[in-house]
C-alpha atoms as a PDB file:
ATOM      1  CA  UNK A   1       0.000   0.000   0.000  1.00  0.00           C
ATOM      2  CA  UNK A   2       1.402   3.402  -1.010  1.00  0.00           C
ATOM      3  CA  UNK A   3       1.973   6.032   1.632  1.00  0.00           C
ATOM      4  CA  UNK A   4      -0.030   9.226   1.466  1.00  0.00           C
ATOM      5  CA  UNK A   5       2.009  12.371   0.766  1.00  0.00           C
ATOM      6  CA  UNK A   6       0.882  15.964   0.279  1.00  0.00           C
ATOM      7  CA  UNK A   7       2.704  19.267  -0.061  1.00  0.00           C
ATOM      8  CA  UNK A   8       0.757  22.464   0.611  1.00  0.00           C
ATOM      9  CA  UNK A   9       1.508  26.172   0.942  1.00  0.00           C
ATOM     10  CA  UNK A  10      -0.936  27.570   3.518  1.00  0.00           C
ATOM     11  CA  UNK A  11      -1.081  31.021   5.005  1.00  0.00           C
ATOM     12  CA  UNK A  12      -0.997  31.477   8.782  1.00  0.00           C
ATOM     13  CA  UNK A  13      -4.765  31.060   9.194  1.00  0.00           C
ATOM     14  CA  UNK A  14      -5.051  28.231   6.660  1.00  0.00           C
ATOM     15  CA  UNK A  15      -2.344  26.274   8.489  1.00  0.00           C
ATOM     16  CA  UNK A  16      -4.581  25.301  11.416  1.00  0.00           C
ATOM     17  CA  UNK A  17      -7.298  23.677   9.315  1.00  0.00           C
ATOM     18  CA  UNK A  18      -5.009  22.231   6.672  1.00  0.00           C
ATOM     19  CA  UNK A  19      -6.729  18.832   6.944  1.00  0.00           C
ATOM     20  CA  UNK A  20     -10.056  20.113   8.244  1.00  0.00           C
ATOM     21  CA  UNK A  21     -11.405  21.233  11.599  1.00  0.00           C
ATOM     22  CA  UNK A  22     -11.779  17.626  12.821  1.00  0.00           C
ATOM     23  CA  UNK A  23      -8.010  17.173  13.073  1.00  0.00           C
ATOM     24  CA  UNK A  24      -5.999  18.077  16.167  1.00  0.00           C
ATOM     25  CA  UNK A  25      -2.493  19.556  15.825  1.00  0.00           C
ATOM     26  CA  UNK A  26      -0.140  18.149  18.444  1.00  0.00           C
ATOM     27  CA  UNK A  27       3.488  18.149  19.502  1.00  0.00           C
ATOM     28  CA  UNK A  28       4.276  14.418  19.945  1.00  0.00           C
ATOM     29  CA  UNK A  29       5.873  13.311  23.237  1.00  0.00           C
ATOM     30  CA  UNK A  30       9.161  12.328  21.581  1.00  0.00           C
ATOM     31  CA  UNK A  31       9.832  15.949  20.582  1.00  0.00           C
ATOM     32  CA  UNK A  32      12.484  17.969  22.374  1.00  0.00           C
ATOM     33  CA  UNK A  33      11.541  20.985  24.543  1.00  0.00           C
ATOM     34  CA  UNK A  34      10.910  24.480  23.227  1.00  0.00           C
ATOM     35  CA  UNK A  35      14.429  25.937  23.048  1.00  0.00           C
ATOM     36  CA  UNK A  36      14.178  29.277  21.227  1.00  0.00           C
ATOM     37  CA  UNK A  37      15.795  32.034  23.268  1.00  0.00           C
ATOM     38  CA  UNK A  38      15.409  35.838  23.292  1.00  0.00           C
ATOM     39  CA  UNK A  39      18.089  36.272  20.624  1.00  0.00           C
ATOM     40  CA  UNK A  40      16.283  34.114  18.047  1.00  0.00           C
ATOM     41  CA  UNK A  41      12.944  35.776  18.781  1.00  0.00           C
ATOM     42  CA  UNK A  42      14.308  39.271  18.302  1.00  0.00           C
ATOM     43  CA  UNK A  43      16.091  38.205  15.114  1.00  0.00           C
ATOM     44  CA  UNK A  44      12.721  37.141  13.718  1.00  0.00           C
ATOM     45  CA  UNK A  45      11.262  40.579  14.512  1.00  0.00           C
ATOM     46  CA  UNK A  46      14.288  42.235  12.879  1.00  0.00           C
ATOM     47  CA  UNK A  47      13.717  40.139   9.748  1.00  0.00           C
ATOM     48  CA  UNK A  48      10.059  41.179   9.711  1.00  0.00           C
ATOM     49  CA  UNK A  49      11.039  44.837   9.964  1.00  0.00           C
ATOM     50  CA  UNK A  50      13.358  44.403   6.983  1.00  0.00           C
ATOM     51  CA  UNK A  51      10.529  42.770   5.025  1.00  0.00           C
ATOM     52  CA  UNK A  52       8.207  45.672   5.819  1.00  0.00           C
ATOM     53  CA  UNK A  53      10.880  48.105   4.617  1.00  0.00           C
ATOM     54  CA  UNK A  54      11.479  46.176   1.402  1.00  0.00           C
ATOM     55  CA  UNK A  55       9.938  46.956  -1.973  1.00  0.00           C
ATOM     56  CA  UNK A  56       7.064  44.469  -1.950  1.00  0.00           C
ATOM     57  CA  UNK A  57       3.564  44.255  -3.381  1.00  0.00           C
ATOM     58  CA  UNK A  58       0.269  43.124  -1.864  1.00  0.00           C
ATOM     59  CA  UNK A  59       0.969  39.689  -3.353  1.00  0.00           C
ATOM     60  CA  UNK A  60       4.294  39.350  -1.539  1.00  0.00           C
ATOM     61  CA  UNK A  61       4.775  36.685   1.138  1.00  0.00           C
ATOM     62  CA  UNK A  62       7.199  36.267   4.013  1.00  0.00           C
ATOM     63  CA  UNK A  63       8.328  32.646   3.854  1.00  0.00           C
ATOM     64  CA  UNK A  64       8.460  30.956   7.284  1.00  0.00           C
ATOM     65  CA  UNK A  65      10.088  27.731   6.098  1.00  0.00           C
ATOM     66  CA  UNK A  66       8.960  24.109   5.989  1.00  0.00           C
ATOM     67  CA  UNK A  67       6.788  22.222   8.437  1.00  0.00           C
ATOM     68  CA  UNK A  68       6.730  18.430   8.438  1.00  0.00           C
ATOM     69  CA  UNK A  69       3.610  16.696   9.739  1.00  0.00           C
ATOM     70  CA  UNK A  70       2.891  13.042  10.385  1.00  0.00           C
ATOM     71  CA  UNK A  71      -0.813  12.282   9.912  1.00  0.00           C
ATOM     72  CA  UNK A  72      -2.417   9.820  12.335  1.00  0.00           C
ATOM     73  CA  UNK A  73      -5.628   9.122  10.451  1.00  0.00           C
ATOM     74  CA  UNK A  74      -7.014   6.743  13.078  1.00  0.00           C
ATOM     75  CA  UNK A  75      -7.003   9.426  15.772  1.00  0.00           C
ATOM     76  CA  UNK A  76      -7.266  12.400  13.380  1.00  0.00           C
ATOM     77  CA  UNK A  77      -4.091  13.925  14.782  1.00  0.00           C
ATOM     78  CA  UNK A  78      -1.443  15.954  12.957  1.00  0.00           C
ATOM     79  CA  UNK A  79       1.875  15.371  14.735  1.00  0.00           C
ATOM     80  CA  UNK A  80       4.454  18.109  14.197  1.00  0.00           C
ATOM     81  CA  UNK A  81       7.730  16.392  13.344  1.00  0.00           C
ATOM     82  CA  UNK A  82       9.526  19.600  12.382  1.00  0.00           C
ATOM     83  CA  UNK A  83       8.403  23.179  12.963  1.00  0.00           C
ATOM     84  CA  UNK A  84       7.301  23.241  16.601  1.00  0.00           C
ATOM     85  CA  UNK A  85       9.915  25.850  17.563  1.00  0.00           C
ATOM     86  CA  UNK A  86       8.718  28.335  14.934  1.00  0.00           C
ATOM     87  CA  UNK A  87       5.034  27.594  15.470  1.00  0.00           C
ATOM     88  CA  UNK A  88       5.269  28.016  19.234  1.00  0.00           C
ATOM     89  CA  UNK A  89       7.099  31.323  18.811  1.00  0.00           C
ATOM     90  CA  UNK A  90       4.575  32.546  16.248  1.00  0.00           C
ATOM     91  CA  UNK A  91       1.660  31.605  18.511  1.00  0.00           C
ATOM     92  CA  UNK A  92       3.186  33.658  21.343  1.00  0.00           C
ATOM     93  CA  UNK A  93       3.725  36.703  19.107  1.00  0.00           C
ATOM     94  CA  UNK A  94       0.296  36.375  17.488  1.00  0.00           C
ATOM     95  CA  UNK A  95      -1.382  36.146  20.882  1.00  0.00           C
ATOM     96  CA  UNK A  96       0.405  39.258  22.132  1.00  0.00           C
ATOM     97  CA  UNK A  97      -0.496  41.193  18.982  1.00  0.00           C
ATOM     98  CA  UNK A  98      -4.090  40.079  18.480  1.00  0.00           C
ATOM     99  CA  UNK A  99      -5.442  38.703  21.769  1.00  0.00           C
ATOM    100  CA  UNK A 100      -8.878  37.142  21.288  1.00  0.00           C
ATOM    101  CA  UNK A 101      -8.437  37.280  17.511  1.00  0.00           C
ATOM    102  CA  UNK A 102      -5.187  35.278  17.610  1.00  0.00           C
ATOM    103  CA  UNK A 103      -4.866  31.737  16.269  1.00  0.00           C
ATOM    104  CA  UNK A 104      -4.337  30.470  19.821  1.00  0.00           C
ATOM    105  CA  UNK A 105      -7.904  31.501  20.648  1.00  0.00           C
ATOM    106  CA  UNK A 106      -9.537  30.971  17.261  1.00  0.00           C
ATOM    107  CA  UNK A 107      -8.247  27.396  16.954  1.00  0.00           C
ATOM    108  CA  UNK A 108      -8.094  26.354  20.605  1.00  0.00           C
ATOM    109  CA  UNK A 109      -9.971  23.117  19.810  1.00  0.00           C
ATOM    110  CA  UNK A 110      -7.453  22.134  17.132  1.00  0.00           C
ATOM    111  CA  UNK A 111      -4.273  23.048  19.012  1.00  0.00           C
ATOM    112  CA  UNK A 112      -2.966  20.524  21.538  1.00  0.00           C
ATOM    113  CA  UNK A 113       0.416  21.944  22.527  1.00  0.00           C
ATOM    114  CA  UNK A 114       1.471  20.605  25.925  1.00  0.00           C
ATOM    115  CA  UNK A 115       4.713  21.846  27.493  1.00  0.00           C
ATOM    116  CA  UNK A 116       5.623  19.825  30.570  1.00  0.00           C
ATOM    117  CA  UNK A 117       9.398  20.253  30.368  1.00  0.00           C
ATOM    118  CA  UNK A 118      10.834  22.903  32.685  1.00  0.00           C
ATOM    119  CA  UNK A 119      12.976  24.307  29.855  1.00  0.00           C
ATOM    120  CA  UNK A 120       9.930  24.815  27.617  1.00  0.00           C
ATOM    121  CA  UNK A 121       8.039  26.680  30.332  1.00  0.00           C
ATOM    122  CA  UNK A 122      11.074  28.832  31.116  1.00  0.00           C
ATOM    123  CA  UNK A 123      11.675  29.819  27.490  1.00  0.00           C
ATOM    124  CA  UNK A 124       7.993  30.481  26.819  1.00  0.00           C
ATOM    125  CA  UNK A 125       7.828  32.747  29.861  1.00  0.00           C
ATOM    126  CA  UNK A 126      11.034  34.621  28.954  1.00  0.00           C
ATOM    127  CA  UNK A 127      10.051  35.041  25.310  1.00  0.00           C
ATOM    128  CA  UNK A 128       6.542  36.202  26.173  1.00  0.00           C
ATOM    129  CA  UNK A 129       7.996  38.901  28.432  1.00  0.00           C
ATOM    130  CA  UNK A 130      10.441  40.008  25.740  1.00  0.00           C
ATOM    131  CA  UNK A 131       7.772  40.090  23.024  1.00  0.00           C
ATOM    132  CA  UNK A 132       5.519  42.259  25.182  1.00  0.00           C
ATOM    133  CA  UNK A 133       8.361  44.744  25.597  1.00  0.00           C
ATOM    134  CA  UNK A 134       9.474  44.737  21.967  1.00  0.00           C
ATOM    135  CA  UNK A 135       6.095  45.177  20.301  1.00  0.00           C
ATOM    136  CA  UNK A 136       5.379  48.062  22.662  1.00  0.00           C
ATOM    137  CA  UNK A 137       8.605  49.789  21.590  1.00  0.00           C
ATOM    138  CA  UNK A 138       8.907  52.316  18.788  1.00  0.00           C
ATOM    139  CA  UNK A 139      11.360  50.104  16.891  1.00  0.00           C
ATOM    140  CA  UNK A 140       8.865  47.272  16.326  1.00  0.00           C
ATOM    141  CA  UNK A 141       5.473  48.994  16.447  1.00  0.00           C
ATOM    142  CA  UNK A 142       5.195  48.775  12.646  1.00  0.00           C
ATOM    143  CA  UNK A 143       4.881  45.004  12.891  1.00  0.00           C
ATOM    144  CA  UNK A 144       1.501  45.408  14.563  1.00  0.00           C
ATOM    145  CA  UNK A 145       0.406  48.252  12.290  1.00  0.00           C
ATOM    146  CA  UNK A 146       1.444  46.307   9.179  1.00  0.00           C
ATOM    147  CA  UNK A 147      -0.481  43.089  10.052  1.00  0.00           C
ATOM    148  CA  UNK A 148       2.573  40.921   9.370  1.00  0.00           C
ATOM    149  CA  UNK A 149       0.702  37.659   9.995  1.00  0.00           C
ATOM    150  CA  UNK A 150      -1.373  38.280   6.879  1.00  0.00           C
ATOM    151  CA  UNK A 151       1.835  37.943   4.850  1.00  0.00           C
ATOM    152  CA  UNK A 152       3.216  34.715   6.354  1.00  0.00           C
ATOM    153  CA  UNK A 153       3.460  31.633   4.143  1.00  0.00           C
ATOM    154  CA  UNK A 154       4.558  28.051   4.879  1.00  0.00           C
ATOM    155  CA  UNK A 155       5.534  24.915   2.987  1.00  0.00           C
ATOM    156  CA  UNK A 156       3.888  21.950   4.687  1.00  0.00           C
ATOM    157  CA  UNK A 157       4.740  18.322   4.005  1.00  0.00           C
ATOM    158  CA  UNK A 158       2.057  15.908   5.210  1.00  0.00           C
ATOM    159  CA  UNK A 159       2.574  12.147   5.238  1.00  0.00           C
ATOM    160  CA  UNK A 160       0.901   9.206   6.965  1.00  0.00           C
ATOM    161  CA  UNK A 161       4.297   7.480   7.236  1.00  0.00           C
ATOM    162  CA  UNK A 162       6.200   8.420  10.383  1.00  0.00           C
ATOM    163  CA  UNK A 163       9.409   7.029   8.902  1.00  0.00           C
ATOM    164  CA  UNK A 164       8.995   9.196   5.797  1.00  0.00           C
ATOM    165  CA  UNK A 165       8.329  12.237   7.986  1.00  0.00           C
ATOM    166  CA  UNK A 166      11.633  11.737   9.823  1.00  0.00           C
ATOM    167  CA  UNK A 167      13.459  11.062   6.563  1.00  0.00           C
ATOM    168  CA  UNK A 168      12.327  14.479   5.339  1.00  0.00           C
ATOM    169  CA  UNK A 169      13.351  15.985   8.673  1.00  0.00           C
ATOM    170  CA  UNK A 170      16.832  14.450   8.590  1.00  0.00           C
ATOM    171  CA  UNK A 171      17.465  15.580   5.010  1.00  0.00           C
ATOM    172  CA  UNK A 172      16.403  19.195   5.502  1.00  0.00           C
ATOM    173  CA  UNK A 173      19.062  21.855   5.623  1.00  0.00           C
ATOM    174  CA  UNK A 174      17.638  24.325   8.128  1.00  0.00           C
ATOM    175  CA  UNK A 175      18.939  27.156  10.280  1.00  0.00           C
ATOM    176  CA  UNK A 176      17.326  25.950  13.465  1.00  0.00           C
ATOM    177  CA  UNK A 177      18.986  24.816  16.682  1.00  0.00           C
ATOM    178  CA  UNK A 178      20.296  21.319  16.105  1.00  0.00           C
ATOM    179  CA  UNK A 179      19.046  18.688  18.572  1.00  0.00           C
ATOM    180  CA  UNK A 180      21.462  17.379  21.178  1.00  0.00           C
ATOM    181  CA  UNK A 181      22.348  13.689  21.419  1.00  0.00           C
ATOM    182  CA  UNK A 182      19.770  13.174  24.147  1.00  0.00           C
ATOM    183  CA  UNK A 183      17.027  14.585  21.905  1.00  0.00           C
ATOM    184  CA  UNK A 184      17.966  12.293  19.025  1.00  0.00           C
ATOM    185  CA  UNK A 185      18.100   9.174  21.195  1.00  0.00           C
ATOM    186  CA  UNK A 186      14.812  10.049  22.854  1.00  0.00           C
ATOM    187  CA  UNK A 187      13.054  10.501  19.501  1.00  0.00           C
ATOM    188  CA  UNK A 188      14.448   7.279  18.016  1.00  0.00           C
ATOM    189  CA  UNK A 189      13.487   5.134  21.006  1.00  0.00           C
ATOM    190  CA  UNK A 190      10.034   6.596  21.587  1.00  0.00           C
ATOM    191  CA  UNK A 191       9.175   6.369  17.893  1.00  0.00           C
ATOM    192  CA  UNK A 192       9.849   2.634  18.110  1.00  0.00           C
ATOM    193  CA  UNK A 193       6.840   2.223  20.411  1.00  0.00           C
ATOM    194  CA  UNK A 194       4.046   1.463  17.977  1.00  0.00           C
ATOM    195  CA  UNK A 195       0.266   1.231  18.498  1.00  0.00           C
ATOM    196  CA  UNK A 196       0.340   2.228  22.163  1.00  0.00           C
ATOM    197  CA  UNK A 197       0.175   5.991  22.591  1.00  0.00           C
ATOM    198  CA  UNK A 198      -0.301   5.780  26.370  1.00  0.00           C
ATOM    199  CA  UNK A 199       2.864   3.709  26.744  1.00  0.00           C
ATOM    200  CA  UNK A 200       4.758   6.141  24.534  1.00  0.00           C
ATOM    201  CA  UNK A 201       3.649   9.130  26.640  1.00  0.00           C
ATOM    202  CA  UNK A 202       4.452   7.297  29.889  1.00  0.00           C
ATOM    203  CA  UNK A 203       7.955   6.468  28.642  1.00  0.00           C
ATOM    204  CA  UNK A 204       8.448  10.075  27.531  1.00  0.00           C
ATOM    205  CA  UNK A 205       7.691  11.254  31.072  1.00  0.00           C
ATOM    206  CA  UNK A 206      10.030   8.670  32.592  1.00  0.00           C
ATOM    207  CA  UNK A 207      12.794   9.610  30.154  1.00  0.00           C
ATOM    208  CA  UNK A 208      12.406  13.248  31.146  1.00  0.00           C
ATOM    209  CA  UNK A 209      12.600  12.350  34.846  1.00  0.00           C
ATOM    210  CA  UNK A 210      15.832  10.417  34.253  1.00  0.00           C
ATOM    211  CA  UNK A 211      17.237  13.276  32.193  1.00  0.00           C
ATOM    212  CA  UNK A 212      16.671  15.661  35.100  1.00  0.00           C
ATOM    213  CA  UNK A 213      18.212  13.359  37.711  1.00  0.00           C
ATOM    214  CA  UNK A 214      20.995  15.359  39.460  1.00  0.00           C
ATOM    215  CA  UNK A 215      23.343  12.426  40.100  1.00  0.00           C
ATOM    216  CA  UNK A 216      24.191  11.057  36.683  1.00  0.00           C
ATOM    217  CA  UNK A 217      27.781  10.237  35.732  1.00  0.00           C
ATOM    218  CA  UNK A 218      27.255  11.159  32.089  1.00  0.00           C
ATOM    219  CA  UNK A 219      25.551  14.452  32.771  1.00  0.00           C
ATOM    220  CA  UNK A 220      26.917  17.710  31.335  1.00  0.00           C
ATOM    221  CA  UNK A 221      23.672  19.587  31.807  1.00  0.00           C
ATOM    222  CA  UNK A 222      19.990  18.815  32.152  1.00  0.00           C
ATOM    223  CA  UNK A 223      19.550  18.894  28.375  1.00  0.00           C
ATOM    224  CA  UNK A 224      22.662  17.189  26.928  1.00  0.00           C
ATOM    225  CA  UNK A 225      23.979  14.776  29.568  1.00  0.00           C
ATOM    226  CA  UNK A 226      23.965  11.896  27.072  1.00  0.00           C
ATOM    227  CA  UNK A 227      26.489  13.535  24.751  1.00  0.00           C
ATOM    228  CA  UNK A 228      29.381  11.864  26.589  1.00  0.00           C
ATOM    229  CA  UNK A 229      27.663   8.505  26.529  1.00  0.00           C
ATOM    230  CA  UNK A 230      27.069   8.721  22.772  1.00  0.00           C
ATOM    231  CA  UNK A 231      30.694   9.728  22.177  1.00  0.00           C
ATOM    232  CA  UNK A 232      31.884   6.722  24.207  1.00  0.00           C
END
C-alpha cells in the first residue's frame, strides 16, 4: 500500500485547518523541549522589519520555512515532526499582537500543545515577556500596524508514514537549533513504540525524569547529559 504524501503552501490562518477542523495539531511526546531564546525571537522581529521596509507588493509573502507533519488518520491527529519551535514562537507573538483574535484563541480546539518540560516553560515565559516589551517599543510597532501575519506563508509536508516524515526531517538543511544527542536518542526510542500511545507518553515522562536526575555520571547539563555517553 502506497503512503499518502501531500505538499501544501498555507497562510498562517489556513495552516490550522489544513486537513479540516476535525483534526488536532499536536506536539508528539518524543519531541524535544521548546528551546528558542530571546536572541532568536528578536532576530525574527528584525527580519520582519526588513521585510516591511522592502519593496514588496500586496501579493508578496514572508516565507516561514517548511513544516513536516505526520498524519495519524485513526485518531485524526497531525503530529508536528519539524516546525514546533517556529510555530510556538509565532503563537506567542500572534497572541500578544491580536489577543482574542489570535490563532491560539480561534483554533483552541485544534491546538494541543502541551509543554511539561521545565525548559519549555522557562523559554515560553522569557520570550513572552520580551515580546511584550518589543512590540510596545517604537522600533517594532510597525509590525503590529502592518499586520505581518497576513503575509506569512509556509511549505507543509504531510505524510501518513512516520518514517517518511523523519526522513524528510533528517534531510532538511535548516537554520534551526540542532538537537542534542539526548534529543535524538529520545526521539528514536520513543518512535519505536508502535500502536500504544499511552505507553509512549508514559515512557516520555520517565525519560524526562531520568534526564533531570541530578546524580548522573554522564551528565553535562539537564539537556545534553547523554552527549558523553554517545561519544563513548
